[in-house]
Amino acid sequence: MLLARVEGNIVATRKHPSLEGWRLVICQPIDADGQPEGSPQVAIDAHGAGLHQQVVISSDGLAARRAVGDDSSPVRWMIIGVVDEREPGVRV
């Protein structure tokens, strides 16, 4: 699991059939201070996270493939939670 910030939406005219109906977003992993950390990831979003909102993403590909209902799906990352607030000093 990683703390990340939603940086934008993905629009695709052609995509794997398992991703039809799913919102795809670009998530930038961030550190505890909100600074970028690592490469942006494309994740499916069932929670309706807003632009620049902090989220928790998971790289559990099996769970993501089960969420889309296709064992052959290329999906890997998924938003598993939207951060409402964080206590100072608490790490994800």
Protein backbone atom coordinates (compact mmCIF):
# COMPACT_ATOMS: atom_id res chain seq x y z
CA MET A 1 0.00 0.00 0.00
CA LEU A 2 1.14 3.51 -0.79
CA LEU A 3 -0.07 6.98 0.06
CA ALA A 4 -0.66 8.85 -3.20
CA ARG A 5 -2.26 11.95 -4.69
CA VAL A 6 -4.65 11.82 -7.66
CA GLU A 7 -3.04 13.83 -10.46
CA GLY A 8 -5.50 13.29 -13.31
CA ASN A 9 -7.84 11.05 -15.26
CA ILE A 10 -6.96 8.65 -18.06
CA VAL A 11 -9.08 8.70 -21.20
CA ALA A 12 -8.67 5.72 -23.53
CA THR A 13 -10.51 5.11 -26.76
CA ARG A 14 -9.29 1.52 -26.72
CA LYS A 15 -8.57 -0.49 -23.61
CA HIS A 16 -8.74 -4.01 -22.28
CA PRO A 17 -12.40 -5.16 -22.09
CA SER A 18 -12.06 -5.77 -18.33
CA LEU A 19 -11.53 -2.03 -17.79
CA GLU A 20 -14.79 -0.97 -19.46
CA GLY A 21 -16.85 1.03 -16.99
CA TRP A 22 -13.92 1.65 -14.64
CA ARG A 23 -12.53 5.11 -13.96
CA LEU A 24 -8.76 5.17 -14.48
CA VAL A 25 -6.68 7.77 -12.65
CA ILE A 26 -3.03 8.77 -12.42
CA CYS A 27 -1.79 8.46 -8.84
CA GLN A 28 1.51 9.99 -7.75
CA PRO A 29 2.95 8.20 -4.70
CA ILE A 30 3.90 10.71 -1.98
CA ASP A 31 5.86 10.65 1.25
CA ALA A 32 4.56 11.66 4.68
CA ASP A 33 5.23 15.33 3.87
CA GLY A 34 3.24 15.18 0.63
CA GLN A 35 6.32 15.24 -1.62
CA PRO A 36 6.40 13.05 -4.77
CA GLU A 37 8.09 9.70 -4.24
CA GLY A 38 8.61 7.30 -7.13
CA SER A 39 6.81 7.01 -10.45
CA PRO A 40 3.14 7.80 -11.08
CA GLN A 41 0.86 4.76 -11.33
CA VAL A 42 -2.40 4.16 -13.19
CA ALA A 43 -5.09 2.84 -10.85
CA ILE A 44 -8.74 1.90 -11.06
CA ASP A 45 -11.00 4.03 -8.88
CA ALA A 46 -14.30 2.79 -7.49
CA HIS A 47 -14.40 5.49 -4.79
CA GLY A 48 -14.71 8.64 -6.90
CA ALA A 49 -11.53 10.30 -5.62
CA GLY A 50 -11.17 13.94 -6.62
CA LEU A 51 -8.29 15.66 -8.35
CA HIS A 52 -5.36 16.27 -5.93
CA GLN A 53 -7.08 14.22 -3.22
CA GLN A 54 -4.90 11.91 -1.13
CA VAL A 55 -5.67 8.21 -1.51
CA VAL A 56 -4.28 4.85 -0.48
CA ILE A 57 -3.40 2.63 -3.44
CA SER A 58 -2.63 -1.08 -3.47
CA SER A 59 -0.50 -3.02 -5.93
CA ASP A 60 -2.30 -6.28 -5.14
CA GLY A 61 -2.92 -7.33 -8.74
CA LEU A 62 -4.98 -10.36 -7.73
CA ALA A 63 -7.43 -8.20 -5.76
CA ALA A 64 -7.61 -5.71 -8.64
CA ARG A 65 -8.30 -8.48 -11.17
CA ARG A 66 -11.01 -9.86 -8.92
CA ALA A 67 -12.54 -6.37 -8.64
CA VAL A 68 -12.82 -6.10 -12.43
CA GLY A 69 -13.94 -9.73 -12.68
CA ASP A 70 -11.30 -10.94 -15.15
CA ASP A 71 -8.29 -13.09 -14.24
CA SER A 72 -6.53 -12.07 -17.46
CA SER A 73 -6.91 -8.31 -16.90
CA PRO A 74 -3.73 -6.21 -17.04
CA VAL A 75 -4.88 -4.15 -14.04
CA ARG A 76 -2.49 -3.97 -11.09
CA TRP A 77 -3.13 -0.82 -9.02
CA MET A 78 -6.40 0.13 -7.36
CA ILE A 79 -7.53 2.83 -4.97
CA ILE A 80 -8.54 1.15 -1.74
CA GLY A 81 -9.32 4.26 0.29
CA VAL A 82 -9.67 8.03 0.23
CA VAL A 83 -7.81 9.94 2.96
CA ASP A 84 -10.11 12.30 4.90
CA GLU A 85 -7.45 13.52 7.32
CA ARG A 86 -4.14 12.38 8.75
CA GLU A 87 -2.73 12.72 12.22
CA PRO A 88 0.74 14.28 12.35
CA GLY A 89 3.49 11.68 12.55
CA VAL A 90 1.28 8.73 11.50
CA ARG A 91 2.70 6.86 8.52
CA VAL A 92 0.78 4.70 6.08
